[in-house]
């Protein structure tokens, strides 16, 4: 079963996720321009290229990358996240990874 996001068959998902990234960056007090949002979105797509992610998973990975950028996260932490996502074998692992980094008790 193919996923429209993975093959670019539904550009509505792409523009919706990008618009949400712009809104989120503004809410976080660091509005990103169109080029930055596209870069973040493309990075998320590249990280998930081994999977056929749902729009929600793609949006969550892109959102995590945005938060990392806005909060000036250490490059090593970003690289760790990128490596972890690339090593995920399925969408469920990606979701578990995102959940694990967002839990405060994990610290």
N, C-alpha and C. Protein backbone atom coordinates (compact mmCIF):
# COMPACT_ATOMS: atom_id res chain seq x y z
N UNK A 1 0.84 -1.17 0.00
CA UNK A 1 0.00 0.00 0.00
C UNK A 1 0.89 1.24 0.00
N UNK A 2 0.69 2.12 -0.94
CA UNK A 2 1.52 3.31 -1.01
C UNK A 2 0.87 4.45 -0.26
N UNK A 3 1.72 5.35 0.21
CA UNK A 3 1.25 6.50 0.97
C UNK A 3 1.41 7.74 0.11
N UNK A 4 0.38 8.58 0.00
CA UNK A 4 0.47 9.75 -0.87
C UNK A 4 1.60 10.70 -0.49
N UNK A 5 1.89 10.84 0.79
CA UNK A 5 2.94 11.74 1.23
C UNK A 5 4.29 11.30 0.69
N UNK A 6 4.54 10.01 0.71
CA UNK A 6 5.84 9.50 0.29
C UNK A 6 6.07 9.73 -1.21
N UNK A 7 5.01 9.78 -1.96
CA UNK A 7 5.15 9.89 -3.40
C UNK A 7 4.71 11.24 -3.95
N UNK A 8 4.35 12.17 -3.07
CA UNK A 8 3.99 13.50 -3.50
C UNK A 8 2.69 13.57 -4.27
N UNK A 9 1.80 12.60 -4.08
CA UNK A 9 0.56 12.58 -4.84
C UNK A 9 -0.47 13.58 -4.34
N UNK A 10 -0.34 14.04 -3.09
CA UNK A 10 -1.29 14.99 -2.54
C UNK A 10 -0.56 16.20 -1.97
N UNK A 11 -0.37 17.23 -2.79
CA UNK A 11 0.38 18.39 -2.33
C UNK A 11 -0.32 19.14 -1.20
N UNK A 12 -1.60 18.89 -0.98
CA UNK A 12 -2.32 19.54 0.11
C UNK A 12 -1.72 19.24 1.46
N UNK A 13 -1.29 18.00 1.65
CA UNK A 13 -0.64 17.64 2.91
C UNK A 13 0.65 18.43 3.09
N UNK A 14 1.42 18.52 2.03
CA UNK A 14 2.69 19.22 2.10
C UNK A 14 2.50 20.68 2.50
N UNK A 15 1.60 21.38 1.82
CA UNK A 15 1.40 22.80 2.12
C UNK A 15 0.77 23.00 3.49
N UNK A 16 -0.08 22.09 3.90
CA UNK A 16 -0.70 22.19 5.22
C UNK A 16 0.34 22.05 6.32
N UNK A 17 1.22 21.08 6.19
CA UNK A 17 2.28 20.89 7.18
C UNK A 17 3.19 22.11 7.21
N UNK A 18 3.55 22.63 6.06
CA UNK A 18 4.42 23.79 6.00
C UNK A 18 3.75 25.01 6.62
N UNK A 19 2.46 25.20 6.37
CA UNK A 19 1.73 26.32 6.97
C UNK A 19 1.70 26.18 8.48
N UNK A 20 1.48 24.96 8.97
CA UNK A 20 1.48 24.73 10.41
C UNK A 20 2.85 25.01 11.02
N UNK A 21 3.91 24.68 10.31
CA UNK A 21 5.26 24.99 10.80
C UNK A 21 5.45 26.50 10.94
N UNK A 22 4.97 27.25 9.96
CA UNK A 22 5.09 28.71 10.03
C UNK A 22 4.31 29.25 11.22
N UNK A 23 3.10 28.74 11.44
CA UNK A 23 2.29 29.19 12.57
C UNK A 23 2.94 28.83 13.89
N UNK A 24 3.48 27.61 14.00
CA UNK A 24 4.12 27.18 15.22
C UNK A 24 5.35 28.03 15.53
N UNK A 25 6.14 28.34 14.52
CA UNK A 25 7.34 29.16 14.75
C UNK A 25 6.93 30.55 15.26
N UNK A 26 5.85 31.09 14.74
CA UNK A 26 5.38 32.40 15.21
C UNK A 26 4.91 32.30 16.66
N UNK A 27 4.20 31.23 17.00
CA UNK A 27 3.74 31.03 18.37
C UNK A 27 4.91 30.87 19.34
N UNK A 28 5.99 30.30 18.86
CA UNK A 28 7.17 30.11 19.70
C UNK A 28 8.03 31.37 19.79
N UNK A 29 7.58 32.44 19.12
CA UNK A 29 8.28 33.71 19.19
C UNK A 29 9.46 33.85 18.25
N UNK A 30 9.56 32.96 17.30
CA UNK A 30 10.66 33.02 16.34
C UNK A 30 10.14 32.68 14.94
N UNK A 31 9.38 33.61 14.35
CA UNK A 31 8.77 33.32 13.04
C UNK A 31 9.82 32.97 11.99
N UNK A 32 9.60 31.87 11.32
CA UNK A 32 10.51 31.41 10.27
C UNK A 32 9.96 31.85 8.91
N UNK A 33 10.86 32.18 7.99
CA UNK A 33 10.42 32.56 6.65
C UNK A 33 10.13 31.31 5.82
N UNK A 34 9.61 31.54 4.65
CA UNK A 34 9.21 30.45 3.74
C UNK A 34 10.37 29.50 3.45
N UNK A 35 11.55 30.06 3.20
CA UNK A 35 12.72 29.23 2.87
C UNK A 35 13.12 28.34 4.05
N UNK A 36 13.08 28.89 5.25
CA UNK A 36 13.43 28.10 6.44
C UNK A 36 12.43 26.98 6.67
N UNK A 37 11.15 27.30 6.49
CA UNK A 37 10.11 26.29 6.67
C UNK A 37 10.27 25.18 5.64
N UNK A 38 10.57 25.54 4.41
CA UNK A 38 10.79 24.54 3.36
C UNK A 38 12.00 23.66 3.70
N UNK A 39 13.05 24.27 4.24
CA UNK A 39 14.25 23.52 4.60
C UNK A 39 13.94 22.52 5.72
N UNK A 40 13.22 22.96 6.73
CA UNK A 40 12.84 22.08 7.83
C UNK A 40 11.97 20.93 7.31
N UNK A 41 11.00 21.28 6.49
CA UNK A 41 10.10 20.27 5.92
C UNK A 41 10.87 19.25 5.09
N UNK A 42 11.78 19.74 4.25
CA UNK A 42 12.57 18.84 3.39
C UNK A 42 13.47 17.95 4.23
N UNK A 43 14.03 18.50 5.31
CA UNK A 43 14.85 17.69 6.21
C UNK A 43 14.03 16.55 6.79
N UNK A 44 12.80 16.86 7.21
CA UNK A 44 11.92 15.83 7.77
C UNK A 44 11.63 14.75 6.72
N UNK A 45 11.35 15.17 5.50
CA UNK A 45 11.09 14.21 4.41
C UNK A 45 12.31 13.32 4.17
N UNK A 46 13.50 13.94 4.18
CA UNK A 46 14.73 13.18 3.95
C UNK A 46 14.97 12.17 5.08
N UNK A 47 14.72 12.60 6.32
CA UNK A 47 14.92 11.70 7.45
C UNK A 47 14.00 10.48 7.38
N UNK A 48 12.82 10.68 6.81
CA UNK A 48 11.81 9.62 6.75
C UNK A 48 11.78 8.92 5.39
N UNK A 49 12.79 9.15 4.57
CA UNK A 49 12.75 8.63 3.20
C UNK A 49 12.74 7.10 3.14
N UNK A 50 13.20 6.43 4.20
CA UNK A 50 13.21 4.97 4.20
C UNK A 50 11.83 4.39 4.54
N UNK A 51 10.90 5.26 4.97
CA UNK A 51 9.55 4.82 5.34
C UNK A 51 8.52 5.46 4.42
N UNK A 52 7.28 5.10 4.61
CA UNK A 52 6.16 5.80 3.97
C UNK A 52 5.32 6.37 5.10
N UNK A 53 5.75 7.50 5.66
CA UNK A 53 5.11 8.00 6.86
C UNK A 53 3.73 8.60 6.62
N UNK A 54 2.92 8.55 7.64
CA UNK A 54 1.63 9.23 7.57
C UNK A 54 1.90 10.73 7.66
N UNK A 55 0.95 11.55 7.22
CA UNK A 55 1.13 13.00 7.35
C UNK A 55 1.38 13.42 8.81
N UNK A 56 0.74 12.75 9.76
CA UNK A 56 0.93 13.09 11.16
C UNK A 56 2.37 12.85 11.61
N UNK A 57 2.93 11.71 11.24
CA UNK A 57 4.31 11.42 11.62
C UNK A 57 5.27 12.40 10.96
N UNK A 58 5.06 12.69 9.69
CA UNK A 58 5.89 13.66 9.00
C UNK A 58 5.80 15.02 9.69
N UNK A 59 4.59 15.41 10.06
CA UNK A 59 4.39 16.70 10.74
C UNK A 59 5.08 16.71 12.10
N UNK A 60 5.03 15.60 12.82
CA UNK A 60 5.66 15.55 14.14
C UNK A 60 7.17 15.63 14.04
N UNK A 61 7.76 14.96 13.05
CA UNK A 61 9.20 15.04 12.87
C UNK A 61 9.58 16.48 12.47
N UNK A 62 8.84 17.06 11.54
CA UNK A 62 9.12 18.44 11.12
C UNK A 62 8.96 19.40 12.30
N UNK A 63 7.94 19.19 13.11
CA UNK A 63 7.72 20.04 14.28
C UNK A 63 8.86 19.93 15.28
N UNK A 64 9.37 18.73 15.46
CA UNK A 64 10.51 18.53 16.36
C UNK A 64 11.73 19.27 15.84
N UNK A 65 11.97 19.18 14.53
CA UNK A 65 13.10 19.89 13.93
C UNK A 65 12.94 21.40 14.09
N UNK A 66 11.71 21.89 13.95
CA UNK A 66 11.44 23.31 14.12
C UNK A 66 11.74 23.75 15.55
N UNK A 67 11.25 22.99 16.52
CA UNK A 67 11.51 23.33 17.92
C UNK A 67 13.01 23.33 18.20
N UNK A 68 13.71 22.36 17.67
CA UNK A 68 15.17 22.32 17.85
C UNK A 68 15.81 23.60 17.29
N UNK A 69 15.34 24.04 16.14
CA UNK A 69 15.92 25.24 15.52
C UNK A 69 15.59 26.48 16.35
N UNK A 70 14.34 26.63 16.74
CA UNK A 70 13.89 27.81 17.47
C UNK A 70 14.55 27.91 18.85
N UNK A 71 14.77 26.78 19.48
CA UNK A 71 15.35 26.79 20.84
C UNK A 71 16.86 26.70 20.84
N UNK A 72 17.48 26.79 19.67
CA UNK A 72 18.94 26.72 19.56
C UNK A 72 19.51 25.48 20.25
N UNK A 73 18.90 24.36 19.96
CA UNK A 73 19.35 23.09 20.52
C UNK A 73 20.77 22.79 20.05
N UNK A 74 21.52 22.15 20.92
CA UNK A 74 22.91 21.78 20.59
C UNK A 74 22.95 20.93 19.31
N UNK A 75 23.90 21.21 18.43
CA UNK A 75 24.02 20.43 17.19
C UNK A 75 24.15 18.93 17.43
N UNK A 76 24.81 18.55 18.51
CA UNK A 76 24.97 17.11 18.80
C UNK A 76 23.62 16.45 19.07
N UNK A 77 22.75 17.18 19.77
CA UNK A 77 21.43 16.62 20.06
C UNK A 77 20.59 16.48 18.79
N UNK A 78 20.70 17.47 17.91
CA UNK A 78 19.98 17.41 16.64
C UNK A 78 20.50 16.24 15.80
N UNK A 79 21.81 16.09 15.77
CA UNK A 79 22.41 14.99 15.01
C UNK A 79 21.97 13.63 15.57
N UNK A 80 21.90 13.55 16.90
CA UNK A 80 21.44 12.32 17.55
C UNK A 80 20.00 12.00 17.11
N UNK A 81 19.13 13.01 17.14
CA UNK A 81 17.74 12.82 16.73
C UNK A 81 17.67 12.37 15.27
N UNK A 82 18.41 13.06 14.41
CA UNK A 82 18.41 12.71 12.98
C UNK A 82 18.84 11.26 12.77
N UNK A 83 19.90 10.86 13.46
CA UNK A 83 20.40 9.49 13.33
C UNK A 83 19.36 8.48 13.82
N UNK A 84 18.72 8.79 14.94
CA UNK A 84 17.71 7.89 15.48
C UNK A 84 16.54 7.72 14.51
N UNK A 85 16.08 8.82 13.93
CA UNK A 85 14.95 8.74 12.98
C UNK A 85 15.33 7.90 11.77
N UNK A 86 16.53 8.12 11.24
CA UNK A 86 16.98 7.36 10.06
C UNK A 86 17.07 5.87 10.35
N UNK A 87 17.33 5.50 11.61
CA UNK A 87 17.47 4.09 11.97
C UNK A 87 16.13 3.41 12.26
N UNK A 88 15.06 4.18 12.37
CA UNK A 88 13.75 3.59 12.66
C UNK A 88 13.31 2.71 11.49
N UNK A 89 12.79 1.55 11.84
CA UNK A 89 12.37 0.59 10.82
C UNK A 89 10.93 0.78 10.39
N UNK A 90 10.14 1.46 11.22
CA UNK A 90 8.75 1.72 10.86
C UNK A 90 8.26 2.99 11.55
N UNK A 91 7.08 3.39 11.17
CA UNK A 91 6.49 4.62 11.68
C UNK A 91 6.28 4.57 13.19
N UNK A 92 5.95 3.42 13.71
CA UNK A 92 5.71 3.27 15.14
C UNK A 92 6.98 3.60 15.93
N UNK A 93 8.13 3.18 15.43
CA UNK A 93 9.39 3.50 16.10
C UNK A 93 9.65 5.00 16.11
N UNK A 94 9.30 5.67 15.01
CA UNK A 94 9.47 7.12 14.95
C UNK A 94 8.59 7.79 16.00
N UNK A 95 7.34 7.34 16.08
CA UNK A 95 6.40 7.90 17.07
C UNK A 95 6.92 7.67 18.49
N UNK A 96 7.43 6.48 18.76
CA UNK A 96 7.96 6.18 20.10
C UNK A 96 9.17 7.06 20.41
N UNK A 97 10.02 7.30 19.43
CA UNK A 97 11.17 8.17 19.62
C UNK A 97 10.72 9.58 20.00
N UNK A 98 9.77 10.12 19.26
CA UNK A 98 9.29 11.47 19.54
C UNK A 98 8.65 11.53 20.92
N UNK A 99 7.88 10.51 21.25
CA UNK A 99 7.27 10.46 22.59
C UNK A 99 8.34 10.42 23.67
N UNK A 100 9.40 9.66 23.45
CA UNK A 100 10.43 9.51 24.47
C UNK A 100 11.18 10.82 24.72
N UNK A 101 11.38 11.62 23.69
CA UNK A 101 12.10 12.88 23.90
C UNK A 101 11.22 13.98 24.45
N UNK A 102 9.91 13.80 24.33
CA UNK A 102 9.01 14.85 24.84
C UNK A 102 8.57 14.59 26.29
N UNK A 103 8.88 13.42 26.82
CA UNK A 103 8.53 13.12 28.22
C UNK A 103 9.57 13.71 29.15
N UNK A 104 9.13 14.48 30.11
CA UNK A 104 10.07 15.09 31.06
C UNK A 104 10.67 14.06 32.00
N UNK A 105 9.94 12.98 32.26
CA UNK A 105 10.48 11.96 33.16
C UNK A 105 11.63 11.20 32.54
N UNK A 106 11.84 11.34 31.24
CA UNK A 106 12.95 10.67 30.58
C UNK A 106 14.28 11.33 30.94
N UNK A 107 14.22 12.53 31.44
CA UNK A 107 15.45 13.24 31.83
C UNK A 107 15.85 12.76 33.15
